[in-house]
Protein backbone atom coordinates (compact mmCIF):
# COMPACT_ATOMS: atom_id res chain seq x y z
CA UNK A 1 -0.05 0.16 -0.09
CA UNK A 2 0.78 3.47 -0.59
CA UNK A 3 1.40 6.18 2.54
CA UNK A 4 -1.96 7.50 2.11
CA UNK A 5 -3.54 4.23 2.71
CA UNK A 6 -3.08 4.30 6.22
CA UNK A 7 -5.82 6.70 7.66
CA UNK A 8 -3.66 8.31 10.50
CA UNK A 9 -1.33 9.94 7.98
CA UNK A 10 -4.35 11.67 5.69
CA UNK A 11 -5.89 14.70 5.86
CA UNK A 12 -9.34 15.66 5.67
CA UNK A 13 -8.89 16.83 1.49
CA UNK A 14 -7.37 13.46 0.55
CA UNK A 15 -9.79 11.41 2.21
CA UNK A 16 -12.58 13.39 0.48
CA UNK A 17 -11.25 13.26 -3.13
CA UNK A 18 -10.21 8.85 -2.37
CA UNK A 19 -14.03 8.90 -1.05
CA UNK A 20 -14.74 10.28 -4.30
CA UNK A 21 -12.64 8.36 -6.06
CA UNK A 22 -14.62 5.33 -4.84
CA UNK A 23 -18.04 6.20 -5.45
CA UNK A 24 -17.03 6.57 -9.11
CA UNK A 25 -15.11 3.29 -9.29
CA UNK A 26 -14.26 1.33 -6.05
CA UNK A 27 -11.30 -0.69 -8.00
CA UNK A 28 -9.88 2.85 -8.59
CA UNK A 29 -8.65 3.04 -4.73
CA UNK A 30 -6.28 0.84 -2.87
CA UNK A 31 -7.49 -2.18 -0.92
CA UNK A 32 -6.72 -0.55 2.32
CA UNK A 33 -9.51 2.52 1.44
CA UNK A 34 -12.04 0.39 -0.26
CA UNK A 35 -12.31 -1.73 2.63
CA UNK A 36 -12.52 1.27 4.80
CA UNK A 37 -14.85 3.14 2.54
CA UNK A 38 -17.15 -0.19 2.17
CA UNK A 39 -17.32 -0.16 6.21
CA UNK A 40 -18.52 3.40 6.27
CA UNK A 41 -21.40 2.40 3.59
CA UNK A 42 -22.02 -0.39 5.98
CA UNK A 43 -22.91 2.08 8.95
CA UNK A 44 -24.32 4.55 6.54
CA UNK A 45 -26.56 1.99 5.34
CA UNK A 46 -27.60 0.07 8.80
CA UNK A 47 -28.36 3.42 10.32
CA UNK A 48 -30.22 4.72 7.48
CA UNK A 49 -28.55 8.45 7.63
CA UNK A 50 -27.70 10.17 5.05
CA UNK A 51 -23.46 11.24 4.95
CA UNK A 52 -22.96 14.42 5.45
CA UNK A 53 -21.16 16.74 2.47
CA UNK A 54 -18.14 17.87 3.96
CA UNK A 55 -17.08 14.06 4.88
CA UNK A 56 -14.29 14.87 6.33
CA UNK A 57 -16.28 16.86 9.24
CA UNK A 58 -16.85 13.41 10.83
CA UNK A 59 -13.16 12.88 11.43
CA UNK A 60 -13.31 16.59 12.89
CA UNK A 61 -15.88 15.63 14.57
CA UNK A 62 -14.29 12.37 16.10
CA UNK A 63 -11.28 14.47 17.19
CA UNK A 64 -13.29 16.29 18.89
CA UNK A 65 -14.99 13.99 21.12
CA UNK A 66 -10.96 12.56 21.73
CA UNK A 67 -10.67 15.88 22.61
CA UNK A 68 -13.21 15.50 25.42
CA UNK A 69 -11.73 12.21 26.36
CA UNK A 70 -8.34 12.92 26.96
CA UNK A 71 -8.85 16.79 27.79
CA UNK A 72 -12.24 17.12 29.71
CA UNK A 73 -11.10 16.35 33.00
CA UNK A 74 -9.69 20.24 32.35
CA UNK A 75 -13.14 22.16 31.92
CA UNK A 76 -15.07 20.65 34.71
CA UNK A 77 -16.99 22.21 37.43
CA UNK A 78 -15.14 19.97 40.68
CA UNK A 79 -14.36 22.58 42.74
CA UNK A 80 -16.86 23.81 44.93
CA UNK A 81 -15.02 26.82 46.38
CA UNK A 82 -12.37 27.78 43.83
CA UNK A 83 -12.60 29.11 40.13
CA UNK A 84 -10.81 26.31 38.54
CA UNK A 85 -7.17 27.17 36.14
CA UNK A 86 -7.84 28.12 33.16
CA UNK A 87 -6.15 25.84 30.36
CA UNK A 88 -5.39 26.33 26.74
CA UNK A 89 -6.34 25.28 24.11
CA UNK A 90 -9.87 24.74 24.99
CA UNK A 91 -12.53 22.64 23.47
CA UNK A 92 -14.32 24.70 21.49
CA UNK A 93 -15.36 23.38 18.48
CA UNK A 94 -13.38 25.92 15.87
CA UNK A 95 -10.00 24.53 17.61
CA UNK A 96 -11.50 21.46 15.87
CA UNK A 97 -12.13 23.00 12.75
CA UNK A 98 -15.68 22.84 13.22
CA UNK A 99 -17.59 25.54 12.34
CA UNK A 100 -21.05 27.51 14.43
CA UNK A 101 -23.08 26.46 10.98
CA UNK A 102 -22.19 22.93 11.92
CA UNK A 103 -23.89 22.41 14.83
CA UNK A 104 -27.40 21.07 13.43
CA UNK A 105 -25.83 18.77 11.07
CA UNK A 106 -26.07 15.14 11.49
CA UNK A 107 -22.74 13.59 12.10
CA UNK A 108 -22.60 9.65 12.02
CA UNK A 109 -19.87 10.65 14.75
CA UNK A 110 -22.87 10.21 17.85
CA UNK A 111 -21.86 6.25 17.10
CA UNK A 112 -18.57 6.67 18.99
CA UNK A 113 -20.55 7.78 22.26
CA UNK A 114 -23.42 5.17 22.57
CA UNK A 115 -25.85 7.90 21.06
CA UNK A 116 -26.23 6.79 17.17
CA UNK A 117 -26.34 9.68 14.47
CA UNK A 118 -26.96 12.46 16.11
CA UNK A 119 -26.72 16.44 15.48
CA UNK A 120 -23.48 18.04 16.79
CA UNK A 121 -24.90 20.03 19.44
CA UNK A 122 -26.47 16.71 20.57
CA UNK A 123 -23.01 15.55 20.76
CA UNK A 124 -21.52 18.37 22.62
CA UNK A 125 -24.22 17.82 25.04
CA UNK A 126 -23.52 14.31 25.82
CA UNK A 127 -19.86 14.66 26.02
CA UNK A 128 -20.35 18.24 28.48
CA UNK A 129 -22.38 16.02 30.78
CA UNK A 130 -20.02 13.01 30.77
CA UNK A 131 -16.57 14.73 30.58
CA UNK A 132 -17.21 18.32 32.40
CA UNK A 133 -19.31 18.62 34.71
CA UNK A 134 -19.68 17.49 38.93
CA UNK A 135 -16.71 13.84 37.48
CA UNK A 136 -13.46 14.84 35.69
CA UNK A 137 -11.44 11.50 34.74
CA UNK A 138 -8.75 10.69 33.43
CA UNK A 139 -7.78 7.38 31.60
CA UNK A 140 -6.88 7.81 28.02
CA UNK A 141 -2.85 7.15 28.74
CA UNK A 142 -3.69 3.71 29.36
CA UNK A 143 -2.58 1.34 27.23
CA UNK A 144 -4.85 -1.71 27.20
CA UNK A 145 -7.79 -1.29 24.28
CA UNK A 146 -9.89 -3.55 26.81
CA UNK A 147 -9.28 -1.21 29.61
CA UNK A 148 -9.98 1.97 27.69
CA UNK A 149 -13.11 0.51 26.20
CA UNK A 150 -14.55 -0.66 29.31
CA UNK A 151 -13.98 2.85 30.76
CA UNK A 152 -15.74 4.47 28.07
CA UNK A 153 -18.88 1.94 28.16
CA UNK A 154 -19.21 3.01 31.58
CA UNK A 155 -18.65 6.59 30.99
CA UNK A 156 -20.51 7.45 27.63
CA UNK A 157 -23.54 4.68 27.56
CA UNK A 158 -25.11 5.06 31.45
CA UNK A 159 -23.47 8.70 32.06
CA UNK A 160 -25.45 9.88 35.27
CA UNK A 161 -26.81 7.08 37.61
CA UNK A 162 -30.30 7.26 38.44
CA UNK A 163 -31.19 7.22 42.57
CA UNK A 164 -34.21 5.80 43.96
CA UNK A 165 -36.19 7.75 46.41
CA UNK A 166 -35.04 4.99 48.98
CA UNK A 167 -31.46 5.53 48.12
CA UNK A 168 -31.42 9.22 47.97
CA UNK A 169 -32.89 9.61 51.64
CA UNK A 170 -29.95 6.39 52.77
CA UNK A 171 -27.26 9.01 51.13
CA UNK A 172 -28.81 11.93 53.14
CA UNK A 173 -28.88 10.28 56.40
CA UNK A 174 -25.49 9.37 56.10
CA UNK A 175 -24.54 12.83 55.35
CA UNK A 176 -26.55 14.33 58.51
CA UNK A 177 -24.36 11.69 60.42
CA UNK A 178 -20.97 12.88 59.32
CA UNK A 179 -21.98 16.86 59.67
CA UNK A 180 -24.21 15.88 62.93
CA UNK A 181 -20.98 14.23 64.16
CA UNK A 182 -18.50 17.10 63.56
CA UNK A 183 -20.66 19.99 64.44
CA UNK A 184 -21.59 18.03 68.25
CA UNK A 185 -17.62 18.20 68.75
CA UNK A 186 -17.10 21.62 67.95
CA UNK A 187 -19.55 22.80 70.31
CA UNK A 188 -18.44 20.19 72.74
CA UNK A 189 -14.64 19.80 72.76
CA UNK A 190 -13.61 23.36 72.04
CA UNK A 191 -10.30 23.98 70.91
CA UNK A 192 -9.56 20.12 71.25
CA UNK A 193 -7.54 18.64 68.05
CA UNK A 194 -10.21 16.85 66.21
CA UNK A 195 -9.02 17.25 62.75
CA UNK A 196 -12.41 17.76 61.45
CA UNK A 197 -14.15 16.26 57.91
CA UNK A 198 -16.20 19.64 57.73
CA UNK A 199 -16.11 20.39 53.42
CA UNK A 200 -15.32 17.13 52.84
CA UNK A 201 -18.65 15.19 54.34
CA UNK A 202 -19.23 13.56 51.22
CA UNK A 203 -16.60 11.13 52.18
CA UNK A 204 -18.34 9.61 54.63
CA UNK A 205 -21.56 8.20 52.18
CA UNK A 206 -18.58 7.65 49.70
CA UNK A 207 -17.27 4.40 51.96
CA UNK A 208 -20.60 3.42 53.06
CA UNK A 209 -21.42 3.14 49.07
CA UNK A 210 -18.16 1.67 48.77
CA UNK A 211 -18.64 -1.03 51.85
CA UNK A 212 -22.27 -1.82 50.26
CA UNK A 213 -21.60 -2.15 46.84
CA UNK A 214 -18.09 -4.46 47.14
CA UNK A 215 -20.08 -6.81 49.86
CA UNK A 216 -23.10 -6.67 47.48
CA UNK A 217 -20.55 -8.41 44.43
CA UNK A 218 -18.71 -10.73 47.33
CA UNK A 219 -15.80 -8.99 48.86
CA UNK A 220 -15.24 -9.87 52.18
CA UNK A 221 -12.72 -8.05 54.16
CA UNK A 222 -11.91 -4.33 53.80
CA UNK A 223 -8.39 -3.27 55.23
CA UNK A 224 -8.60 0.70 55.89
CA UNK A 225 -5.87 3.32 56.04
CA UNK A 226 -5.21 6.80 56.91
CA UNK A 227 -4.53 9.43 58.66
CA UNK A 228 -6.12 11.98 61.19
CA UNK A 229 -8.25 13.94 58.91
CA UNK A 230 -12.10 12.44 59.51
CA UNK A 231 -10.54 9.41 61.27
CA UNK A 232 -13.18 10.24 64.21
CA UNK A 233 -16.09 10.64 61.64
CA UNK A 234 -15.20 7.44 59.60
CA UNK A 235 -14.64 5.08 63.17
CA UNK A 236 -18.34 6.48 63.95
CA UNK A 237 -20.18 6.16 61.12
CA UNK A 238 -18.38 3.79 58.83
CA UNK A 239 -16.72 1.23 61.59
CA UNK A 240 -19.74 1.81 63.69
CA UNK A 241 -17.13 2.94 66.61
CA UNK A 242 -19.65 4.16 69.61
CA UNK A 243 -20.34 7.86 70.42
CA UNK A 244 -19.53 6.55 74.23
CA UNK A 245 -15.76 5.33 73.67
CA UNK A 246 -14.81 7.81 70.81
CA UNK A 247 -16.26 10.94 73.85
CA UNK A 248 -14.48 8.94 76.68
CA UNK A 249 -11.30 9.14 74.43
CA UNK A 250 -11.73 13.13 73.98
CA UNK A 251 -12.01 12.90 78.15
CA UNK A 252 -8.94 10.32 78.80
CA UNK A 253 -11.61 8.18 80.44
CA UNK A 254 -11.15 5.46 77.80
CA UNK A 255 -7.42 3.51 78.85
CA UNK A 256 -5.60 3.02 81.54
CA UNK A 257 -3.35 5.44 82.20
CA UNK A 258 0.54 4.89 80.40
CA UNK A 259 -1.15 2.33 78.24
CA UNK A 260 -1.12 4.71 75.65
CA UNK A 261 1.80 6.85 76.60
CA UNK A 262 2.68 9.14 74.11
CA UNK A 263 -0.27 8.79 71.76
CA UNK A 264 -3.85 10.23 70.30
CA UNK A 265 -7.68 9.73 69.95
CA UNK A 266 -6.94 9.94 66.03
CA UNK A 267 -3.77 7.05 65.71
CA UNK A 268 -5.86 4.63 67.26
CA UNK A 269 -6.63 1.23 64.89
CA UNK A 270 -9.90 -0.46 65.11
CA UNK A 271 -11.46 -3.34 63.46
CA UNK A 272 -14.91 -4.73 63.60
CA UNK A 273 -17.21 -7.04 62.31
CA UNK A 274 -20.63 -5.07 60.14
CA UNK A 275 -24.19 -6.43 58.47
CA UNK A 276 -24.94 -4.17 55.58
CA UNK A 277 -27.77 -2.76 54.66
CA UNK A 278 -28.30 -5.47 52.09
CA UNK A 279 -27.79 -8.23 54.80
CA UNK A 280 -24.24 -9.01 53.69
CA UNK A 281 -21.50 -9.63 56.70
CA UNK A 282 -17.76 -7.77 55.98
CA UNK A 283 -15.22 -7.54 58.41
CA UNK A 284 -13.63 -3.78 58.67
CA UNK A 285 -10.01 -2.72 60.16
CA UNK A 286 -8.26 0.66 59.99
CA UNK A 287 -4.81 0.40 60.95
CA UNK A 288 -3.14 2.17 63.41
CA UNK A 289 -1.21 4.74 62.32
CA UNK A 290 1.35 7.65 63.53
CA UNK A 291 1.59 11.45 62.62
CA UNK A 292 3.85 10.20 59.98
CA UNK A 293 2.09 11.01 57.18
CA UNK A 294 1.50 8.00 54.64
CA UNK A 295 3.86 5.41 56.83
CA UNK A 296 0.08 3.30 57.39
CA UNK A 297 -0.14 2.57 53.34
CA UNK A 298 2.72 -0.24 53.29
CA UNK A 299 1.17 -1.34 56.83
CA UNK A 300 -1.96 -1.70 54.75
CA UNK A 301 -0.92 -3.28 51.65
CA UNK A 302 1.30 -6.04 53.83
CA UNK A 303 -2.00 -6.80 56.03
CA UNK A 304 -4.15 -7.43 52.62
CA UNK A 305 -1.48 -9.23 50.93
CA UNK A 306 -0.77 -11.71 54.19
CA UNK A 307 -4.35 -12.23 54.31
CA UNK A 308 -4.57 -13.33 50.54
CA UNK A 309 -1.28 -15.19 51.12
CA UNK A 310 -2.39 -17.71 54.67
CA UNK A 311 -6.73 -17.85 53.76
CA UNK A 312 -8.34 -15.88 51.51
CA UNK A 313 -6.36 -17.16 48.72
CA UNK A 314 -8.53 -14.69 46.25
CA UNK A 315 -7.95 -11.29 46.14
CA UNK A 316 -11.33 -10.52 44.66
CA UNK A 317 -12.39 -11.21 48.62
CA UNK A 318 -10.24 -8.34 50.06
CA UNK A 319 -9.77 -4.45 49.26
CA UNK A 320 -6.86 -2.38 50.68
CA UNK A 321 -8.52 1.40 50.86
CA UNK A 322 -5.90 4.33 51.29
CA UNK A 323 -7.24 7.58 52.01
CA UNK A 324 -5.08 10.21 51.82
CA UNK A 325 -4.79 13.95 52.27
CA UNK A 326 -4.05 15.80 49.13
CA UNK A 327 -0.49 17.23 50.09
CA UNK A 328 0.46 13.99 51.42
CA UNK A 329 -0.39 12.03 48.18
CA UNK A 330 2.00 14.62 46.08
CA UNK A 331 3.92 15.43 48.60
CA UNK A 332 5.55 12.07 50.70
CA UNK A 333 8.00 9.87 49.19
CA UNK A 334 6.31 6.59 50.62
CA UNK A 335 3.34 6.79 48.10
CA UNK A 336 5.39 6.39 45.46
CA UNK A 337 7.09 3.49 46.54
CA UNK A 338 4.07 1.58 47.36
CA UNK A 339 2.26 2.25 43.97
CA UNK A 340 5.18 1.41 41.64
CA UNK A 341 4.98 -2.09 43.99
CA UNK A 342 1.48 -2.43 42.58
CA UNK A 343 1.79 -4.74 39.86
CA UNK A 344 5.00 -6.26 40.97
CA UNK A 345 4.06 -10.30 41.79
CA UNK A 346 5.99 -9.98 45.45
CA UNK A 347 3.81 -7.60 46.83
CA UNK A 348 0.78 -7.34 44.53
CA UNK A 349 -2.83 -6.89 46.62
CA UNK A 350 -5.05 -6.99 43.38
CA UNK A 351 -5.67 -3.69 43.38
CA UNK A 352 -5.96 -0.58 45.82
CA UNK A 353 -8.88 2.24 46.16
CA UNK A 354 -7.10 5.46 46.93
CA UNK A 355 -9.27 7.79 47.85
CA UNK A 356 -8.21 11.49 48.75
CA UNK A 357 -9.78 14.19 51.01
CA UNK A 358 -9.13 17.09 48.75
CA UNK A 359 -9.42 20.28 50.93
CA UNK A 360 -7.14 22.06 48.36
CA UNK A 361 -4.19 23.36 51.08
CA UNK A 362 -1.31 21.63 53.31
CA UNK A 363 -1.68 23.25 56.75
CA UNK A 364 -0.87 26.71 55.71
CA UNK A 365 0.27 25.89 51.69
CA UNK A 366 -1.27 26.93 48.56
CA UNK A 367 -1.86 24.02 46.34
CA UNK A 368 -0.12 25.46 43.96
CA UNK A 369 2.96 26.43 45.98
CA UNK A 370 3.16 22.50 47.15
CA UNK A 371 3.29 20.74 43.70
CA UNK A 372 4.44 20.81 40.32
CA UNK A 373 1.67 17.97 39.00
CA UNK A 374 -1.28 19.56 37.82
CA UNK A 375 -3.10 17.21 40.09
CA UNK A 376 -2.46 15.73 43.61
CA UNK A 377 -2.98 12.45 42.02
CA UNK A 378 -0.98 12.08 39.25
CA UNK A 379 1.37 10.07 40.77
CA UNK A 380 -1.29 7.43 39.76
CA UNK A 381 -0.34 7.45 36.72
CA UNK A 382 2.71 5.48 37.01
CA UNK A 383 0.53 1.92 37.03
CA UNK A 384 -1.53 3.64 34.35
CA UNK A 385 -4.47 3.89 36.74
CA UNK A 386 -7.67 5.78 35.66
CA UNK A 387 -8.00 8.86 38.17
CA UNK A 388 -11.97 10.74 39.07
CA UNK A 389 -12.17 14.14 40.21
CA UNK A 390 -14.93 14.91 41.35
CA UNK A 391 -16.78 17.83 43.18
CA UNK A 392 -17.82 16.86 46.61
CA UNK A 393 -20.50 19.27 46.73
CA UNK A 394 -22.04 16.83 44.72
CA UNK A 395 -22.29 13.28 46.28
CA UNK A 396 -24.45 11.59 44.24
CA UNK A 397 -21.98 11.99 41.41
CA UNK A 398 -18.87 10.98 44.31
CA UNK A 399 -21.13 7.59 45.27
CA UNK A 400 -21.44 7.07 41.37
CA UNK A 401 -17.18 7.80 41.07
CA UNK A 402 -16.81 4.96 44.01
CA UNK A 403 -19.27 2.38 42.34
CA UNK A 404 -16.81 3.30 38.82
CA UNK A 405 -14.17 2.27 41.51
CA UNK A 406 -15.06 -0.75 42.75
CA UNK A 407 -16.30 -1.81 39.64
CA UNK A 408 -12.73 -1.41 38.02
CA UNK A 409 -10.74 -2.72 40.51
CA UNK A 410 -12.47 -6.21 40.56
CA UNK A 411 -12.68 -6.11 36.56
CA UNK A 412 -9.13 -5.51 35.89
CA UNK A 413 -7.25 -6.09 39.77
CA UNK A 414 -5.76 -2.71 39.51
CA UNK A 415 -5.27 0.53 41.43
CA UNK A 416 -7.75 3.19 40.89
CA UNK A 417 -7.78 7.02 42.23
CA UNK A 418 -10.74 8.63 43.79
CA UNK A 419 -10.13 12.32 44.15
CA UNK A 420 -13.05 14.28 46.18
CA UNK A 421 -12.33 17.71 46.36
CA UNK A 422 -13.64 20.16 48.89
CA UNK A 423 -12.74 22.51 51.83
CA UNK A 424 -11.03 23.01 55.39
CA UNK A 425 -13.43 24.12 57.09
CA UNK A 426 -11.78 25.47 59.77
CA UNK A 427 -8.19 25.36 60.71
CA UNK A 428 -5.29 22.49 60.24
CA UNK A 429 -6.48 21.25 63.67
CA UNK A 430 -9.16 23.12 64.93
CA UNK A 431 -6.75 25.16 66.86
CA UNK A 432 -5.22 27.89 64.65
CA UNK A 433 -6.59 31.04 62.18
CA UNK A 434 -6.61 30.16 58.45
CA UNK A 435 -7.53 33.71 57.53
CA UNK A 436 -4.30 35.01 58.12
CA UNK A 437 -2.95 32.96 55.71
CA UNK A 438 -5.78 32.33 53.40
CA UNK A 439 -7.53 35.26 53.74
CA UNK A 440 -9.95 35.01 50.56
CA UNK A 441 -10.25 31.23 50.60
CA UNK A 442 -11.78 31.04 54.21
CA UNK A 443 -14.13 33.99 53.00
CA UNK A 444 -15.58 31.83 50.07
CA UNK A 445 -15.54 29.06 52.60
CA UNK A 446 -17.73 31.09 55.06
CA UNK A 447 -20.37 31.63 53.33
CA UNK A 448 -20.80 28.02 51.55
CA UNK A 449 -23.18 25.82 52.88
CA UNK A 450 -21.90 21.97 53.84
CA UNK A 451 -22.91 19.39 51.50
CA UNK A 452 -25.93 18.24 53.47
CA UNK A 453 -27.40 21.34 53.31
CA UNK A 454 -26.30 21.48 49.31
CA UNK A 455 -28.16 17.46 48.88
CA UNK A 456 -31.40 18.39 50.87
CA UNK A 457 -32.27 21.53 48.84
CA UNK A 458 -31.12 19.62 45.70
CA UNK A 459 -33.85 16.66 47.25
CA UNK A 460 -36.91 19.25 47.79
CA UNK A 461 -36.35 21.09 44.63
CA UNK A 462 -37.08 17.83 42.91
């Protein structure tokens, strides 16, 4: 074949010329082009839609679709309290050789995103809803076609999950538990360090959904590692540790003197058996950890691997979950070391679900001053893992991302990253004043409703 037999080397004008030659005499073009146009003719007859004039624009629409897949995450609505950074080039149709006059033209390229032949305006609306709303996803760097196809099918065909009224009530209940718990501690234990989850309360319904769905598809055990942020809330509302025990620890009455000398309440581990709402029994472990951020990561992986080797014998029955801070996952070297071992035969655990409680600040350091990468989760690309960025104020989107994560992990046995963007309502440990270092951000936060109230108002409006 000559060089023009390869579609990737041809521009629109060349394709148009070859197509006209093919229409006049199919034998006048090379075998490669002949087969290509035969396939196109078959698709046209199958959908009983006229081939648009300007055949090259079909390929420009395909370029636009791939632009959304690879760059849509840069233009999402995932940040609840900041205006996101601006990137160029944008996804404007003019950047793909299309014009506003094309918006009402029907393109066969709509088949590529599962909606059939459609107007360009309809294709764009579908892509915007899929890639540029409350969920942004990075995945086009993955090298295995079956993984990429699976992800595209999940995202582009189903789009947004539909929740029943009962499911919505349950989500609201978990959000309310998270909010009320933090508000009580804030009033009852004034000035005490608790590393509040406020601003990222969506973590609680996210973990709840993860456990419920995981148990439903056969997972028997979860091993969780996390630092201090939100730990007490997770213990109370996911691990079902009693409020009495948690409050006793605040007052120093739970343990004998010197038993945990030098330790603090947000370092302690916990384990329990729970029964999900669907009636499945699951064992839950929260590994103890020091204040040294992310050092618990290899411990969690080691616990998981040992249980796989000793008695479970099936990595699909146990799942490690690592909950990171945005500054820590980008800044701590142990994160890279652990992720780099994820696919090694001697260390693999069948895939870890990484959840980032992203409050966009590290103590007093803005994220722009704390990392060189675009996202705190860019370390996840080491293992060619998909990364989902989600608006923490859109709890249904968070749960959809969680469902995607657990299904991907169980299907491909790889790590997956879920970046929940929220904020930190108070200072680093409730004992400092954040307005000194981030006055504009905390002015916006002070006026911002919590995720529970946002979701409640959404349900009332429905």
